[in-house]
Amino acid sequence: MTPIVTFVGWHDSGKTTLASQVVSHLKAAGYRVAVVKSSKEPGIAFDSPGTDTAKHRMAGADSVMFIGPDKMVLQAGNDNLPLVALSYRYFSDVDIVIGEGFKDARRVPKIEVLRDRERMLRNKVHGIIAIATDLEGVEGENVFRLDESEAIARFIEKKFLLEQRNKQERAVLFVNGRRMPLKNFVQEVLASTVHGFVGSLKFTDQIEEIELRIRLPKV
């Protein structure tokens, strides 16, 4: 499963600047990176000069997705899939997905970008694993300064990417946009069954990855 880390914080806290710097460092380390940005404002331009999405593209992101209340940019309506399902569906070929926003996303690690001590999200939002701030006296594990983007990138690499290289899931199952946990032996059985079926078809290329989507008729 592709790991996801999202940067959260209030408007104008510096999420885009820090996230794009981290993307640049991860790209320089040889990783494939996708960026997903959310906004509560309708009618936001995508990829125009000076926009946040353009900054992520300039940082070297392999893919950028923008999700607003009225649309998501892939020329499709927003069907309200959770961040995990969106990332797996559209960015399964990258090493990591960096998010911006999505503070309510469940089971997604988050890095808080903090400029106002009175509006700290750490005790209000689930999944905060680190804080980036220039405020004095902010204590706890994994507290970084705002100019330590490279250190944050190394933190993400150590926590999510180095171990991921040695740990590959054989099969991932989503039902109605929700990821279903599979034990190792179930992954092996499912992967082997589908692989065997596809292998029986007239397919000349070497099979490295199979994606299967099943839509059931409405009852």
Protein backbone atom coordinates (compact mmCIF):
# COMPACT_ATOMS: atom_id res chain seq x y z
CA MET A 1 0.00 0.00 0.00
CA THR A 2 1.40 3.40 -0.95
CA PRO A 3 2.08 5.42 2.23
CA ILE A 4 0.37 8.79 2.68
CA VAL A 5 1.51 11.75 4.77
CA THR A 6 -0.51 14.97 4.76
CA PHE A 7 0.39 18.48 5.96
CA VAL A 8 -2.34 20.18 7.97
CA GLY A 9 -2.74 23.64 9.46
CA TRP A 10 -4.82 26.78 9.24
CA HIS A 11 -4.98 29.01 6.16
CA ASP A 12 -1.70 30.84 5.41
CA SER A 13 0.25 28.70 7.88
CA GLY A 14 2.77 27.77 5.19
CA LYS A 15 1.58 24.25 4.33
CA THR A 16 2.16 24.62 0.59
CA THR A 17 5.67 26.05 0.94
CA LEU A 18 6.82 23.37 3.36
CA ALA A 19 5.11 20.50 1.52
CA SER A 20 6.60 21.52 -1.84
CA GLN A 21 10.08 21.73 -0.27
CA VAL A 22 9.66 18.23 1.16
CA VAL A 23 8.53 17.01 -2.29
CA SER A 24 11.73 18.44 -3.81
CA HIS A 25 13.92 16.65 -1.24
CA LEU A 26 12.14 13.31 -1.76
CA LYS A 27 12.44 13.67 -5.53
CA ALA A 28 16.14 14.42 -5.16
CA ALA A 29 16.46 11.19 -3.18
CA GLY A 30 15.03 9.31 -6.17
CA TYR A 31 11.45 8.71 -5.01
CA ARG A 32 8.31 9.02 -7.12
CA VAL A 33 5.96 11.46 -5.41
CA ALA A 34 2.34 12.45 -5.95
CA VAL A 35 0.61 15.43 -4.32
CA VAL A 36 -3.08 15.74 -3.44
CA LYS A 37 -4.33 19.18 -2.38
CA SER A 38 -7.75 19.96 -0.97
CA SER A 39 -9.60 23.25 -0.60
CA LYS A 40 -12.96 24.28 0.82
CA GLU A 41 -13.20 27.17 -1.68
CA PRO A 42 -15.09 26.58 -4.98
CA GLY A 43 -13.81 27.84 -8.32
CA ILE A 44 -10.11 27.55 -7.50
CA ALA A 45 -7.85 27.60 -10.60
CA PHE A 46 -5.70 24.55 -11.17
CA ASP A 47 -2.06 24.67 -12.26
CA SER A 48 -2.10 28.37 -13.21
CA PRO A 49 1.12 30.33 -12.50
CA GLY A 50 1.35 31.20 -8.82
CA THR A 51 -1.26 28.69 -7.63
CA ASP A 52 -0.45 26.07 -5.00
CA THR A 53 -0.85 23.23 -7.47
CA ALA A 54 1.60 24.93 -9.84
CA LYS A 55 4.10 25.17 -6.99
CA HIS A 56 3.84 21.42 -6.38
CA ARG A 57 4.40 20.73 -10.08
CA MET A 58 7.45 23.03 -10.06
CA ALA A 59 8.74 21.12 -7.03
CA GLY A 60 8.83 18.02 -9.23
CA ALA A 61 5.73 16.10 -8.12
CA ASP A 62 5.03 13.24 -10.54
CA SER A 63 1.28 13.76 -10.18
CA VAL A 64 -0.88 16.50 -8.65
CA MET A 65 -4.55 16.20 -7.81
CA PHE A 66 -6.70 19.12 -6.64
CA ILE A 67 -9.91 18.42 -4.75
CA GLY A 68 -12.43 21.19 -4.11
CA PRO A 69 -16.05 21.20 -2.98
CA ASP A 70 -17.26 21.49 -6.60
CA LYS A 71 -14.79 19.28 -8.50
CA MET A 72 -11.57 17.36 -8.47
CA VAL A 73 -9.09 17.95 -11.24
CA LEU A 74 -8.95 14.88 -13.36
CA GLN A 75 -11.97 16.33 -15.11
CA ALA A 76 -14.31 14.36 -12.89
CA GLY A 77 -16.88 15.18 -10.28
CA ASN A 78 -15.90 14.72 -6.65
CA ASP A 79 -17.42 11.41 -5.59
CA ASN A 80 -16.21 11.93 -2.00
CA LEU A 81 -13.87 8.98 -1.87
CA PRO A 82 -11.63 9.03 1.21
CA LEU A 83 -7.99 10.08 0.75
CA VAL A 84 -6.71 6.51 1.03
CA ALA A 85 -9.00 5.27 -1.76
CA LEU A 86 -8.19 8.25 -4.01
CA SER A 87 -4.46 7.73 -3.56
CA TYR A 88 -4.62 4.03 -4.35
CA ARG A 89 -6.89 4.49 -7.37
CA TYR A 90 -4.92 7.26 -9.08
CA PHE A 91 -1.39 7.09 -7.67
CA SER A 92 -0.62 3.42 -7.14
CA ASP A 93 2.55 3.76 -9.23
CA VAL A 94 4.31 6.24 -6.91
CA ASP A 95 6.30 5.59 -3.74
CA ILE A 96 4.46 8.07 -1.53
CA VAL A 97 1.55 10.49 -1.63
CA ILE A 98 1.98 13.88 0.05
CA GLY A 99 -1.29 15.49 0.99
CA GLU A 100 -2.18 19.05 1.87
CA GLY A 101 -5.26 19.48 3.99
CA PHE A 102 -7.49 16.47 4.83
CA LYS A 103 -7.23 17.04 8.58
CA ASP A 104 -10.32 14.85 9.08
CA ALA A 105 -8.94 11.90 7.08
CA ARG A 106 -8.96 8.80 9.24
CA ARG A 107 -5.93 6.54 9.63
CA VAL A 108 -3.72 9.00 7.71
CA PRO A 109 -0.52 10.33 9.35
CA LYS A 110 -0.41 14.13 9.51
CA ILE A 111 2.27 16.79 9.99
CA GLU A 112 0.92 19.97 11.54
CA VAL A 113 2.26 23.31 10.31
CA LEU A 114 1.79 25.59 13.31
CA ARG A 115 2.02 29.39 13.56
CA ASP A 116 -0.60 30.19 16.22
CA ARG A 117 -0.26 28.40 19.56
CA GLU A 118 -3.92 29.07 20.36
CA ARG A 119 -5.03 27.14 17.26
CA MET A 120 -2.91 24.01 17.68
CA LEU A 121 -4.48 20.96 16.05
CA ARG A 122 -2.41 18.29 17.79
CA ASN A 123 -4.98 17.65 20.51
CA LYS A 124 -7.99 18.03 18.21
CA VAL A 125 -7.02 16.06 15.09
CA HIS A 126 -6.26 12.35 14.95
CA GLY A 127 -2.97 11.15 13.53
CA ILE A 128 -0.55 14.07 14.11
CA ILE A 129 2.93 12.51 13.96
CA ALA A 130 5.05 15.69 13.83
CA ILE A 131 4.85 19.47 14.12
CA ALA A 132 6.64 22.11 12.06
CA THR A 133 6.77 25.48 13.80
CA ASP A 134 8.97 28.43 14.72
CA LEU A 135 7.11 29.02 17.98
CA GLU A 136 9.15 28.61 21.16
CA GLY A 137 8.20 26.10 23.80
CA VAL A 138 6.33 23.60 21.63
CA GLU A 139 7.33 20.27 23.14
CA GLY A 140 6.92 16.66 22.13
CA GLU A 141 8.43 14.14 19.77
CA ASN A 142 9.24 15.10 16.19
CA VAL A 143 9.03 18.89 16.46
CA PHE A 144 10.79 20.62 13.54
CA ARG A 145 11.44 24.24 12.59
CA LEU A 146 9.77 25.55 9.46
CA ASP A 147 13.15 25.80 7.70
CA GLU A 148 13.94 22.12 8.37
CA SER A 149 12.17 20.74 5.30
CA GLU A 150 15.08 18.40 4.53
CA ALA A 151 14.96 16.96 8.05
CA ILE A 152 11.20 16.45 7.67
CA ALA A 153 11.78 14.67 4.37
CA ARG A 154 14.34 12.36 6.05
CA PHE A 155 11.85 11.73 8.87
CA ILE A 156 9.19 10.72 6.33
CA GLU A 157 11.69 8.56 4.44
CA LYS A 158 12.79 6.71 7.57
CA LYS A 159 9.27 6.21 8.92
CA PHE A 160 7.47 5.23 5.72
CA LEU A 161 9.76 4.57 2.75
CA LEU A 162 12.85 2.62 3.84
CA GLU A 163 10.78 -0.09 5.51
CA GLN A 164 8.30 -0.06 2.61
CA ARG A 165 11.05 -1.14 0.22
CA ASN A 166 11.32 -4.43 2.11
CA LYS A 167 7.60 -4.90 2.72
CA GLN A 168 5.30 -5.35 -0.24
CA GLU A 169 1.64 -6.30 0.08
CA ARG A 170 0.59 -8.98 -2.39
CA ALA A 171 -3.02 -7.81 -2.72
CA VAL A 172 -5.07 -4.77 -1.72
CA LEU A 173 -8.89 -4.85 -1.61
CA PHE A 174 -11.26 -1.86 -1.64
CA VAL A 175 -15.03 -2.32 -1.26
CA ASN A 176 -17.20 0.76 -1.92
CA GLY A 177 -14.12 2.94 -1.61
CA ARG A 178 -13.12 1.50 1.78
CA ARG A 179 -9.90 -0.44 2.17
CA MET A 180 -10.48 -3.87 3.66
CA PRO A 181 -7.75 -5.44 5.83
CA LEU A 182 -6.46 -8.74 4.47
CA LYS A 183 -4.35 -11.27 6.32
CA ASN A 184 -1.20 -12.44 4.58
CA PHE A 185 -2.56 -15.84 3.59
CA VAL A 186 -5.72 -14.21 2.13
CA GLN A 187 -3.51 -11.86 0.09
CA GLU A 188 -1.53 -14.85 -1.20
CA VAL A 189 -4.66 -16.81 -2.17
CA LEU A 190 -6.32 -13.81 -3.84
CA ALA A 191 -3.18 -12.78 -5.72
CA SER A 192 -2.39 -16.30 -6.86
CA THR A 193 -5.97 -16.95 -8.05
CA VAL A 194 -6.20 -13.75 -10.11
CA HIS A 195 -2.66 -14.20 -11.42
CA GLY A 196 -3.46 -17.73 -12.52
CA PHE A 197 -6.60 -16.60 -14.34
CA VAL A 198 -4.86 -13.73 -16.12
CA GLY A 199 -1.96 -16.00 -16.98
CA SER A 200 -4.36 -18.32 -18.83
CA LEU A 201 -5.28 -15.50 -21.20
CA LYS A 202 -3.40 -14.72 -24.39
CA PHE A 203 -1.05 -12.26 -22.72
CA THR A 204 2.47 -12.04 -24.04
CA ASP A 205 4.06 -9.45 -21.72
CA GLN A 206 5.55 -10.35 -18.37
CA ILE A 207 2.94 -9.82 -15.65
CA GLU A 208 4.19 -7.53 -12.88
CA GLU A 209 0.99 -5.99 -11.52
CA ILE A 210 -2.72 -6.66 -12.00
CA GLU A 211 -5.57 -4.26 -11.23
CA LEU A 212 -9.11 -5.63 -11.11
CA ARG A 213 -12.26 -3.57 -10.58
CA ILE A 214 -15.64 -5.31 -10.25
CA ARG A 215 -18.95 -3.41 -10.46
CA LEU A 216 -21.92 -5.44 -9.22
CA PRO A 217 -25.45 -4.95 -10.62
CA LYS A 218 -27.84 -3.05 -8.39
CA VAL A 219 -30.38 -5.26 -6.68
